[in-house]
Amino acid sequence: MLQVVAIVIGALVIVGFVALWWYVSGARKRTSGEVRQRLGADDVVLLDGEAHCYGLESKDHQYLSTFGALGMSGDTLLYLQWSPKEEFELDRSKIVAVEVAREFRGRDRDEDLLTITFQGDGGEDKVAWKLTDNDAWLKELAPA
């Protein structure tokens, strides 16, 4: 009897991991496709479908603080969360500074984050992402 219970629990764990992988894979593809479509497929300069956003410095901790797709065209930066559906769009001309840092919102993140300081409606604000290739984004986004 104990062996049957162990087999059932093991099977449920495996099914759970497969379902989670399927959801994440689908969310990444859908969101990346939507970013590509909204920016114009031919205009996309960089795209990271596994971007982890740490939110805006000026907003509540939960706003944009999750995984999503970050894309960039010649004049626009667009981030779409996987879930819940939130988005952040920034005109690249409003970027004041770009750097790689390990601290954001007063916390050491123990990983390199791409941080962007930009001119918002209420003054300067900052947003941070963990990306798969910070160097490519840093090179492309650095103000001239």
C-alpha atoms as a PDB file:
ATOM      1  CA  MET A   1       0.000   0.000   0.000  1.00  0.00           C
ATOM      2  CA  LEU A   2       2.807   2.408   0.914  1.00  0.00           C
ATOM      3  CA  GLN A   3       4.477   1.770  -2.442  1.00  0.00           C
ATOM      4  CA  VAL A   4       1.261   2.683  -4.305  1.00  0.00           C
ATOM      5  CA  VAL A   5       0.994   5.959  -2.361  1.00  0.00           C
ATOM      6  CA  ALA A   6       4.656   6.764  -3.123  1.00  0.00           C
ATOM      7  CA  ILE A   7       4.141   6.029  -6.831  1.00  0.00           C
ATOM      8  CA  VAL A   8       1.006   8.219  -6.958  1.00  0.00           C
ATOM      9  CA  ILE A   9       2.773  11.095  -5.172  1.00  0.00           C
ATOM     10  CA  GLY A  10       5.795  10.764  -7.485  1.00  0.00           C
ATOM     11  CA  ALA A  11       3.540  10.774 -10.542  1.00  0.00           C
ATOM     12  CA  LEU A  12       1.716  13.891  -9.285  1.00  0.00           C
ATOM     13  CA  VAL A  13       5.019  15.696  -8.724  1.00  0.00           C
ATOM     14  CA  ILE A  14       6.176  14.814 -12.239  1.00  0.00           C
ATOM     15  CA  VAL A  15       2.865  15.926 -13.754  1.00  0.00           C
ATOM     16  CA  GLY A  16       3.103  19.188 -11.780  1.00  0.00           C
ATOM     17  CA  PHE A  17       6.604  19.931 -13.086  1.00  0.00           C
ATOM     18  CA  VAL A  18       5.571  19.138 -16.656  1.00  0.00           C
ATOM     19  CA  ALA A  19       2.520  21.420 -16.349  1.00  0.00           C
ATOM     20  CA  LEU A  20       4.646  24.232 -14.939  1.00  0.00           C
ATOM     21  CA  TRP A  21       7.239  23.846 -17.699  1.00  0.00           C
ATOM     22  CA  TRP A  22       4.465  23.841 -20.315  1.00  0.00           C
ATOM     23  CA  TYR A  23       2.907  27.010 -18.836  1.00  0.00           C
ATOM     24  CA  VAL A  24       6.232  28.888 -18.608  1.00  0.00           C
ATOM     25  CA  SER A  25       7.279  27.849 -22.105  1.00  0.00           C
ATOM     26  CA  GLY A  26       3.934  28.929 -23.570  1.00  0.00           C
ATOM     27  CA  ALA A  27       3.906  32.227 -21.648  1.00  0.00           C
ATOM     28  CA  ARG A  28       7.436  33.028 -22.825  1.00  0.00           C
ATOM     29  CA  LYS A  29       6.577  32.326 -26.467  1.00  0.00           C
ATOM     30  CA  ARG A  30       3.272  34.230 -26.380  1.00  0.00           C
ATOM     31  CA  THR A  31       4.708  37.271 -24.642  1.00  0.00           C
ATOM     32  CA  SER A  32       7.838  37.393 -26.813  1.00  0.00           C
ATOM     33  CA  GLY A  33       5.643  37.162 -29.911  1.00  0.00           C
ATOM     34  CA  GLU A  34       3.428  39.976 -28.681  1.00  0.00           C
ATOM     35  CA  VAL A  35       6.431  42.217 -27.961  1.00  0.00           C
ATOM     36  CA  ARG A  36       7.841  41.446 -31.426  1.00  0.00           C
ATOM     37  CA  GLN A  37       4.477  42.217 -33.050  1.00  0.00           C
ATOM     38  CA  ARG A  38       3.919  45.476 -31.154  1.00  0.00           C
ATOM     39  CA  LEU A  39       7.416  46.779 -31.878  1.00  0.00           C
ATOM     40  CA  GLY A  40       7.315  45.604 -35.492  1.00  0.00           C
ATOM     41  CA  ALA A  41       9.161  42.363 -36.199  1.00  0.00           C
ATOM     42  CA  ASP A  42      11.634  44.026 -38.577  1.00  0.00           C
ATOM     43  CA  ASP A  43      12.345  46.832 -36.095  1.00  0.00           C
ATOM     44  CA  VAL A  44      13.291  44.671 -33.081  1.00  0.00           C
ATOM     45  CA  VAL A  45      16.893  45.343 -32.093  1.00  0.00           C
ATOM     46  CA  LEU A  46      17.014  43.099 -28.991  1.00  0.00           C
ATOM     47  CA  LEU A  47      14.536  40.743 -27.341  1.00  0.00           C
ATOM     48  CA  ASP A  48      14.795  38.783 -24.098  1.00  0.00           C
ATOM     49  CA  GLY A  49      11.872  36.431 -23.489  1.00  0.00           C
ATOM     50  CA  GLU A  50      13.063  35.528 -19.983  1.00  0.00           C
ATOM     51  CA  ALA A  51      13.566  38.997 -18.511  1.00  0.00           C
ATOM     52  CA  HIS A  52      13.044  39.308 -14.759  1.00  0.00           C
ATOM     53  CA  CYS A  53      11.890  42.805 -13.913  1.00  0.00           C
ATOM     54  CA  TYR A  54      12.404  44.169 -10.401  1.00  0.00           C
ATOM     55  CA  GLY A  55       9.883  46.959 -10.899  1.00  0.00           C
ATOM     56  CA  LEU A  56       9.997  50.710 -10.896  1.00  0.00           C
ATOM     57  CA  GLU A  57      11.786  52.495  -8.093  1.00  0.00           C
ATOM     58  CA  SER A  58       8.834  54.872  -7.629  1.00  0.00           C
ATOM     59  CA  LYS A  59       6.070  52.243  -7.539  1.00  0.00           C
ATOM     60  CA  ASP A  60       4.822  49.538  -5.231  1.00  0.00           C
ATOM     61  CA  HIS A  61       7.124  46.512  -4.999  1.00  0.00           C
ATOM     62  CA  GLN A  62       4.708  44.230  -6.870  1.00  0.00           C
ATOM     63  CA  TYR A  63       4.229  46.475  -9.913  1.00  0.00           C
ATOM     64  CA  LEU A  64       6.143  44.862 -12.818  1.00  0.00           C
ATOM     65  CA  SER A  65       8.067  42.653 -10.405  1.00  0.00           C
ATOM     66  CA  THR A  66       7.962  39.356 -12.265  1.00  0.00           C
ATOM     67  CA  PHE A  67       9.064  37.569 -15.436  1.00  0.00           C
ATOM     68  CA  GLY A  68       8.215  38.703 -18.929  1.00  0.00           C
ATOM     69  CA  ALA A  69       9.592  39.708 -22.302  1.00  0.00           C
ATOM     70  CA  LEU A  70      11.662  42.829 -22.859  1.00  0.00           C
ATOM     71  CA  GLY A  71      12.093  44.110 -26.375  1.00  0.00           C
ATOM     72  CA  MET A  72      13.702  47.122 -27.954  1.00  0.00           C
ATOM     73  CA  SER A  73      13.283  48.855 -31.263  1.00  0.00           C
ATOM     74  CA  GLY A  74      15.149  51.913 -32.480  1.00  0.00           C
ATOM     75  CA  ASP A  75      12.997  54.266 -30.418  1.00  0.00           C
ATOM     76  CA  THR A  76      11.010  52.164 -27.909  1.00  0.00           C
ATOM     77  CA  LEU A  77      11.611  49.824 -24.999  1.00  0.00           C
ATOM     78  CA  LEU A  78       8.657  47.498 -24.246  1.00  0.00           C
ATOM     79  CA  TYR A  79       8.277  45.059 -21.351  1.00  0.00           C
ATOM     80  CA  LEU A  80       5.265  42.733 -21.080  1.00  0.00           C
ATOM     81  CA  GLN A  81       4.827  40.550 -17.998  1.00  0.00           C
ATOM     82  CA  TRP A  82       3.798  36.940 -18.393  1.00  0.00           C
ATOM     83  CA  SER A  83       1.257  37.142 -15.572  1.00  0.00           C
ATOM     84  CA  PRO A  84      -0.515  39.211 -14.412  1.00  0.00           C
ATOM     85  CA  LYS A  85      -0.738  41.218 -17.594  1.00  0.00           C
ATOM     86  CA  GLU A  86       1.183  44.438 -16.958  1.00  0.00           C
ATOM     87  CA  GLU A  87       3.334  46.412 -19.328  1.00  0.00           C
ATOM     88  CA  PHE A  88       5.961  49.104 -19.332  1.00  0.00           C
ATOM     89  CA  GLU A  89       6.763  51.160 -22.412  1.00  0.00           C
ATOM     90  CA  LEU A  90       9.533  53.726 -22.559  1.00  0.00           C
ATOM     91  CA  ASP A  91      10.587  56.097 -25.301  1.00  0.00           C
ATOM     92  CA  ARG A  92      14.356  55.612 -25.579  1.00  0.00           C
ATOM     93  CA  SER A  93      14.871  59.371 -25.830  1.00  0.00           C
ATOM     94  CA  LYS A  94      13.825  59.612 -22.147  1.00  0.00           C
ATOM     95  CA  ILE A  95      16.725  57.420 -20.976  1.00  0.00           C
ATOM     96  CA  VAL A  96      19.113  59.372 -18.769  1.00  0.00           C
ATOM     97  CA  ALA A  97      21.536  56.606 -17.690  1.00  0.00           C
ATOM     98  CA  VAL A  98      22.091  52.860 -18.072  1.00  0.00           C
ATOM     99  CA  GLU A  99      24.295  50.709 -15.854  1.00  0.00           C
ATOM    100  CA  VAL A 100      24.773  47.240 -14.472  1.00  0.00           C
ATOM    101  CA  ALA A 101      24.340  47.076 -10.697  1.00  0.00           C
ATOM    102  CA  ARG A 102      23.709  44.521  -7.974  1.00  0.00           C
ATOM    103  CA  GLU A 103      21.582  46.748  -5.778  1.00  0.00           C
ATOM    104  CA  PHE A 104      18.098  48.016  -6.556  1.00  0.00           C
ATOM    105  CA  ARG A 105      15.488  49.582  -4.293  1.00  0.00           C
ATOM    106  CA  GLY A 106      17.812  49.360  -1.308  1.00  0.00           C
ATOM    107  CA  ARG A 107      18.437  45.613  -1.590  1.00  0.00           C
ATOM    108  CA  ASP A 108      21.466  43.663  -2.759  1.00  0.00           C
ATOM    109  CA  ARG A 109      20.178  41.305  -5.455  1.00  0.00           C
ATOM    110  CA  ASP A 110      23.245  39.020  -5.593  1.00  0.00           C
ATOM    111  CA  GLU A 111      23.122  39.120  -9.400  1.00  0.00           C
ATOM    112  CA  ASP A 112      23.858  41.657 -12.127  1.00  0.00           C
ATOM    113  CA  LEU A 113      20.875  43.815 -13.049  1.00  0.00           C
ATOM    114  CA  LEU A 114      20.531  46.197 -15.950  1.00  0.00           C
ATOM    115  CA  THR A 115      19.235  49.439 -14.424  1.00  0.00           C
ATOM    116  CA  ILE A 116      17.807  52.244 -16.520  1.00  0.00           C
ATOM    117  CA  THR A 117      17.286  55.750 -15.188  1.00  0.00           C
ATOM    118  CA  PHE A 118      14.750  57.673 -17.237  1.00  0.00           C
ATOM    119  CA  GLN A 119      12.791  60.896 -17.221  1.00  0.00           C
ATOM    120  CA  GLY A 120       9.212  60.095 -16.219  1.00  0.00           C
ATOM    121  CA  ASP A 121       6.137  62.254 -15.714  1.00  0.00           C
ATOM    122  CA  GLY A 122       7.042  62.948 -12.084  1.00  0.00           C
ATOM    123  CA  GLY A 123      10.789  63.374 -12.596  1.00  0.00           C
ATOM    124  CA  GLU A 124      13.539  60.786 -12.797  1.00  0.00           C
ATOM    125  CA  ASP A 125      12.683  57.155 -12.108  1.00  0.00           C
ATOM    126  CA  LYS A 126      14.550  53.861 -12.382  1.00  0.00           C
ATOM    127  CA  VAL A 127      13.718  50.334 -13.536  1.00  0.00           C
ATOM    128  CA  ALA A 128      15.844  47.156 -13.289  1.00  0.00           C
ATOM    129  CA  TRP A 129      15.944  43.800 -15.073  1.00  0.00           C
ATOM    130  CA  LYS A 130      17.905  40.588 -14.818  1.00  0.00           C
ATOM    131  CA  LEU A 131      18.599  39.697 -18.453  1.00  0.00           C
ATOM    132  CA  THR A 132      20.375  36.894 -20.274  1.00  0.00           C
ATOM    133  CA  ASP A 133      22.898  39.293 -21.901  1.00  0.00           C
ATOM    134  CA  ASN A 134      23.348  42.546 -19.983  1.00  0.00           C
ATOM    135  CA  ASP A 135      26.328  43.578 -22.115  1.00  0.00           C
ATOM    136  CA  ALA A 136      24.321  43.622 -25.366  1.00  0.00           C
ATOM    137  CA  TRP A 137      21.575  45.700 -23.766  1.00  0.00           C
ATOM    138  CA  LEU A 138      24.042  48.040 -22.090  1.00  0.00           C
ATOM    139  CA  LYS A 139      25.858  48.639 -25.370  1.00  0.00           C
ATOM    140  CA  GLU A 140      22.637  49.276 -27.297  1.00  0.00           C
ATOM    141  CA  LEU A 141      20.928  51.451 -24.655  1.00  0.00           C
ATOM    142  CA  ALA A 142      23.779  53.635 -23.450  1.00  0.00           C
ATOM    143  CA  PRO A 143      22.863  57.250 -24.254  1.00  0.00           C
ATOM    144  CA  ALA A 144      25.040  58.782 -26.964  1.00  0.00           C
END
